[in-house]
Amino acid sequence: MLSTTIVILVLSVSVAALGLLAAYQQHQLQRLRSFVSQLLQNYRTDSGKSDES
């Protein structure tokens, strides 16, 4: 009886950890995308300024 309870606990904890990891990775991807787009925008504005001058 005790062993099955431990197995269920371990399974639920690992599933929760996997869910958290997936959410964290998705969040990191979103941050990376916004960071890259910001870099591109800055690069475009910088090149535009250098073209003007």
PDB file of N, CA and C in Angstrom:
ATOM      1  N   MET A   1       0.835  -1.208   0.000  1.00  0.00           N
ATOM      2  CA  MET A   1       0.000   0.000   0.000  1.00  0.00           C
ATOM      3  C   MET A   1       0.866   1.254   0.000  1.00  0.00           C
ATOM      4  N   LEU A   2       1.875   1.236   0.848  1.00  0.00           N
ATOM      5  CA  LEU A   2       2.745   2.402   0.948  1.00  0.00           C
ATOM      6  C   LEU A   2       3.519   2.625  -0.346  1.00  0.00           C
ATOM      7  N   SER A   3       3.965   1.535  -0.968  1.00  0.00           N
ATOM      8  CA  SER A   3       4.755   1.662  -2.200  1.00  0.00           C
ATOM      9  C   SER A   3       3.926   2.284  -3.326  1.00  0.00           C
ATOM     10  N   THR A   4       2.651   1.912  -3.447  1.00  0.00           N
ATOM     11  CA  THR A   4       1.812   2.491  -4.498  1.00  0.00           C
ATOM     12  C   THR A   4       1.616   3.981  -4.255  1.00  0.00           C
ATOM     13  N   THR A   5       1.453   4.379  -2.995  1.00  0.00           N
ATOM     14  CA  THR A   5       1.303   5.797  -2.667  1.00  0.00           C
ATOM     15  C   THR A   5       2.555   6.562  -3.066  1.00  0.00           C
ATOM     16  N   ILE A   6       3.712   5.981  -2.809  1.00  0.00           N
ATOM     17  CA  ILE A   6       4.982   6.635  -3.165  1.00  0.00           C
ATOM     18  C   ILE A   6       5.095   6.763  -4.685  1.00  0.00           C
ATOM     19  N   VAL A   7       4.724   5.705  -5.400  1.00  0.00           N
ATOM     20  CA  VAL A   7       4.790   5.727  -6.864  1.00  0.00           C
ATOM     21  C   VAL A   7       3.874   6.812  -7.420  1.00  0.00           C
ATOM     22  N   ILE A   8       2.664   6.901  -6.887  1.00  0.00           N
ATOM     23  CA  ILE A   8       1.710   7.926  -7.343  1.00  0.00           C
ATOM     24  C   ILE A   8       2.256   9.326  -7.053  1.00  0.00           C
ATOM     25  N   LEU A   9       2.844   9.493  -5.874  1.00  0.00           N
ATOM     26  CA  LEU A   9       3.430  10.785  -5.520  1.00  0.00           C
ATOM     27  C   LEU A   9       4.541  11.162  -6.489  1.00  0.00           C
ATOM     28  N   VAL A  10       5.436  10.232  -6.748  1.00  0.00           N
ATOM     29  CA  VAL A  10       6.564  10.495  -7.655  1.00  0.00           C
ATOM     30  C   VAL A  10       6.063  10.835  -9.057  1.00  0.00           C
ATOM     31  N   LEU A  11       5.062  10.083  -9.511  1.00  0.00           N
ATOM     32  CA  LEU A  11       4.511  10.331 -10.845  1.00  0.00           C
ATOM     33  C   LEU A  11       3.899  11.728 -10.935  1.00  0.00           C
ATOM     34  N   SER A  12       3.099  12.086  -9.954  1.00  0.00           N
ATOM     35  CA  SER A  12       2.451  13.404  -9.992  1.00  0.00           C
ATOM     36  C   SER A  12       3.480  14.524  -9.910  1.00  0.00           C
ATOM     37  N   VAL A  13       4.506  14.328  -9.094  1.00  0.00           N
ATOM     38  CA  VAL A  13       5.550  15.360  -8.968  1.00  0.00           C
ATOM     39  C   VAL A  13       6.308  15.512 -10.279  1.00  0.00           C
ATOM     40  N   SER A  14       6.629  14.390 -10.925  1.00  0.00           N
ATOM     41  CA  SER A  14       7.367  14.472 -12.192  1.00  0.00           C
ATOM     42  C   SER A  14       6.505  15.115 -13.284  1.00  0.00           C
ATOM     43  N   VAL A  15       5.213  14.800 -13.294  1.00  0.00           N
ATOM     44  CA  VAL A  15       4.314  15.413 -14.278  1.00  0.00           C
ATOM     45  C   VAL A  15       4.236  16.923 -14.052  1.00  0.00           C
ATOM     46  N   ALA A  16       4.132  17.329 -12.787  1.00  0.00           N
ATOM     47  CA  ALA A  16       4.079  18.752 -12.476  1.00  0.00           C
ATOM     48  C   ALA A  16       5.381  19.438 -12.883  1.00  0.00           C
ATOM     49  N   ALA A  17       6.509  18.774 -12.640  1.00  0.00           N
ATOM     50  CA  ALA A  17       7.810  19.341 -13.009  1.00  0.00           C
ATOM     51  C   ALA A  17       7.908  19.508 -14.521  1.00  0.00           C
ATOM     52  N   LEU A  18       7.432  18.498 -15.269  1.00  0.00           N
ATOM     53  CA  LEU A  18       7.463  18.583 -16.727  1.00  0.00           C
ATOM     54  C   LEU A  18       6.600  19.745 -17.219  1.00  0.00           C
ATOM     55  N   GLY A  19       5.423  19.915 -16.621  1.00  0.00           N
ATOM     56  CA  GLY A  19       4.541  21.016 -17.009  1.00  0.00           C
ATOM     57  C   GLY A  19       5.185  22.361 -16.749  1.00  0.00           C
ATOM     58  N   LEU A  20       5.811  22.486 -15.575  1.00  0.00           N
ATOM     59  CA  LEU A  20       6.489  23.738 -15.241  1.00  0.00           C
ATOM     60  C   LEU A  20       7.630  24.006 -16.207  1.00  0.00           C
ATOM     61  N   LEU A  21       8.393  22.966 -16.525  1.00  0.00           N
ATOM     62  CA  LEU A  21       9.520  23.115 -17.444  1.00  0.00           C
ATOM     63  C   LEU A  21       9.036  23.565 -18.814  1.00  0.00           C
ATOM     64  N   ALA A  22       7.951  22.961 -19.303  1.00  0.00           N
ATOM     65  CA  ALA A  22       7.411  23.338 -20.612  1.00  0.00           C
ATOM     66  C   ALA A  22       6.953  24.792 -20.599  1.00  0.00           C
ATOM     67  N   ALA A  23       6.260  25.203 -19.536  1.00  0.00           N
ATOM     68  CA  ALA A  23       5.787  26.587 -19.437  1.00  0.00           C
ATOM     69  C   ALA A  23       6.975  27.539 -19.381  1.00  0.00           C
ATOM     70  N   TYR A  24       8.013  27.163 -18.642  1.00  0.00           N
ATOM     71  CA  TYR A  24       9.211  28.009 -18.525  1.00  0.00           C
ATOM     72  C   TYR A  24       9.895  28.148 -19.875  1.00  0.00           C
ATOM     73  N   GLN A  25      10.020  27.032 -20.604  1.00  0.00           N
ATOM     74  CA  GLN A  25      10.661  27.087 -21.913  1.00  0.00           C
ATOM     75  C   GLN A  25       9.859  27.962 -22.871  1.00  0.00           C
ATOM     76  N   GLN A  26       8.530  27.837 -22.823  1.00  0.00           N
ATOM     77  CA  GLN A  26       7.695  28.656 -23.698  1.00  0.00           C
ATOM     78  C   GLN A  26       7.883  30.127 -23.361  1.00  0.00           C
ATOM     79  N   HIS A  27       7.943  30.437 -22.064  1.00  0.00           N
ATOM     80  CA  HIS A  27       8.139  31.811 -21.620  1.00  0.00           C
ATOM     81  C   HIS A  27       9.492  32.322 -22.116  1.00  0.00           C
ATOM     82  N   GLN A  28      10.524  31.500 -21.996  1.00  0.00           N
ATOM     83  CA  GLN A  28      11.853  31.898 -22.452  1.00  0.00           C
ATOM     84  C   GLN A  28      11.839  32.153 -23.959  1.00  0.00           C
ATOM     85  N   LEU A  29      11.143  31.296 -24.716  1.00  0.00           N
ATOM     86  CA  LEU A  29      11.052  31.473 -26.162  1.00  0.00           C
ATOM     87  C   LEU A  29      10.404  32.814 -26.492  1.00  0.00           C
ATOM     88  N   GLN A  30       9.314  33.139 -25.768  1.00  0.00           N
ATOM     89  CA  GLN A  30       8.630  34.400 -26.010  1.00  0.00           C
ATOM     90  C   GLN A  30       9.569  35.568 -25.737  1.00  0.00           C
ATOM     91  N   ARG A  31      10.310  35.504 -24.615  1.00  0.00           N
ATOM     92  CA  ARG A  31      11.230  36.579 -24.277  1.00  0.00           C
ATOM     93  C   ARG A  31      12.317  36.699 -25.334  1.00  0.00           C
ATOM     94  N   LEU A  32      12.805  35.545 -25.809  1.00  0.00           N
ATOM     95  CA  LEU A  32      13.859  35.553 -26.828  1.00  0.00           C
ATOM     96  C   LEU A  32      13.343  36.185 -28.115  1.00  0.00           C
ATOM     97  N   ARG A  33      12.126  35.844 -28.511  1.00  0.00           N
ATOM     98  CA  ARG A  33      11.540  36.403 -29.736  1.00  0.00           C
ATOM     99  C   ARG A  33      11.410  37.923 -29.624  1.00  0.00           C
ATOM    100  N   SER A  34      10.861  38.389 -28.495  1.00  0.00           N
ATOM    101  CA  SER A  34      10.678  39.834 -28.330  1.00  0.00           C
ATOM    102  C   SER A  34      12.034  40.537 -28.298  1.00  0.00           C
ATOM    103  N   PHE A  35      13.035  39.888 -27.673  1.00  0.00           N
ATOM    104  CA  PHE A  35      14.373  40.470 -27.606  1.00  0.00           C
ATOM    105  C   PHE A  35      14.978  40.598 -28.999  1.00  0.00           C
ATOM    106  N   VAL A  36      14.824  39.538 -29.811  1.00  0.00           N
ATOM    107  CA  VAL A  36      15.371  39.550 -31.168  1.00  0.00           C
ATOM    108  C   VAL A  36      14.671  40.612 -32.010  1.00  0.00           C
ATOM    109  N   SER A  37      13.357  40.696 -31.907  1.00  0.00           N
ATOM    110  CA  SER A  37      12.628  41.691 -32.701  1.00  0.00           C
ATOM    111  C   SER A  37      13.035  43.104 -32.281  1.00  0.00           C
ATOM    112  N   GLN A  38      13.273  43.293 -30.979  1.00  0.00           N
ATOM    113  CA  GLN A  38      13.712  44.596 -30.492  1.00  0.00           C
ATOM    114  C   GLN A  38      15.092  44.922 -31.070  1.00  0.00           C
ATOM    115  N   LEU A  39      15.968  43.933 -31.079  1.00  0.00           N
ATOM    116  CA  LEU A  39      17.311  44.131 -31.649  1.00  0.00           C
ATOM    117  C   LEU A  39      17.202  44.520 -33.116  1.00  0.00           C
ATOM    118  N   LEU A  40      16.342  43.815 -33.865  1.00  0.00           N
ATOM    119  CA  LEU A  40      16.173  44.112 -35.286  1.00  0.00           C
ATOM    120  C   LEU A  40      15.654  45.537 -35.475  1.00  0.00           C
ATOM    121  N   GLN A  41      14.676  45.938 -34.662  1.00  0.00           N
ATOM    122  CA  GLN A  41      14.137  47.294 -34.767  1.00  0.00           C
ATOM    123  C   GLN A  41      15.227  48.322 -34.490  1.00  0.00           C
ATOM    124  N   ASN A  42      16.024  48.083 -33.437  1.00  0.00           N
ATOM    125  CA  ASN A  42      17.109  49.003 -33.115  1.00  0.00           C
ATOM    126  C   ASN A  42      18.107  49.077 -34.262  1.00  0.00           C
ATOM    127  N   TYR A  43      18.416  47.929 -34.857  1.00  0.00           N
ATOM    128  CA  TYR A  43      19.362  47.891 -35.977  1.00  0.00           C
ATOM    129  C   TYR A  43      18.820  48.684 -37.157  1.00  0.00           C
ATOM    130  N   ARG A  44      17.524  48.517 -37.429  1.00  0.00           N
ATOM    131  CA  ARG A  44      16.911  49.235 -38.544  1.00  0.00           C
ATOM    132  C   ARG A  44      16.954  50.741 -38.304  1.00  0.00           C
ATOM    133  N   THR A  45      16.592  51.160 -37.089  1.00  0.00           N
ATOM    134  CA  THR A  45      16.582  52.600 -36.802  1.00  0.00           C
ATOM    135  C   THR A  45      18.002  53.157 -36.857  1.00  0.00           C
ATOM    136  N   ASP A  46      18.975  52.361 -36.371  1.00  0.00           N
ATOM    137  CA  ASP A  46      20.371  52.814 -36.416  1.00  0.00           C
ATOM    138  C   ASP A  46      20.835  52.962 -37.850  1.00  0.00           C
ATOM    139  N   SER A  47      20.545  51.995 -38.694  1.00  0.00           N
ATOM    140  CA  SER A  47      20.972  52.060 -40.091  1.00  0.00           C
ATOM    141  C   SER A  47      20.252  53.223 -40.793  1.00  0.00           C
ATOM    142  N   GLY A  48      18.984  53.455 -40.418  1.00  0.00           N
ATOM    143  CA  GLY A  48      18.242  54.570 -41.005  1.00  0.00           C
ATOM    144  C   GLY A  48      18.874  55.886 -40.632  1.00  0.00           C
ATOM    145  N   LYS A  49      19.302  56.019 -39.377  1.00  0.00           N
ATOM    146  CA  LYS A  49      19.962  57.249 -38.936  1.00  0.00           C
ATOM    147  C   LYS A  49      21.268  57.439 -39.689  1.00  0.00           C
ATOM    148  N   SER A  50      22.051  56.375 -39.871  1.00  0.00           N
ATOM    149  CA  SER A  50      23.335  56.498 -40.548  1.00  0.00           C
ATOM    150  C   SER A  50      23.104  56.839 -42.027  1.00  0.00           C
ATOM    151  N   ASP A  51      22.001  56.361 -42.610  1.00  0.00           N
ATOM    152  CA  ASP A  51      21.707  56.698 -44.007  1.00  0.00           C
ATOM    153  C   ASP A  51      21.385  58.181 -44.140  1.00  0.00           C
ATOM    154  N   GLU A  52      20.646  58.728 -43.166  1.00  0.00           N
ATOM    155  CA  GLU A  52      20.261  60.137 -43.217  1.00  0.00           C
ATOM    156  C   GLU A  52      21.491  61.050 -43.143  1.00  0.00           C
ATOM    157  N   SER A  53      22.437  60.707 -42.245  1.00  0.00           N
ATOM    158  CA  SER A  53      23.601  61.568 -42.047  1.00  0.00           C
ATOM    159  C   SER A  53      24.731  61.275 -43.037  1.00  0.00           C
TER     160      SER A  53
END
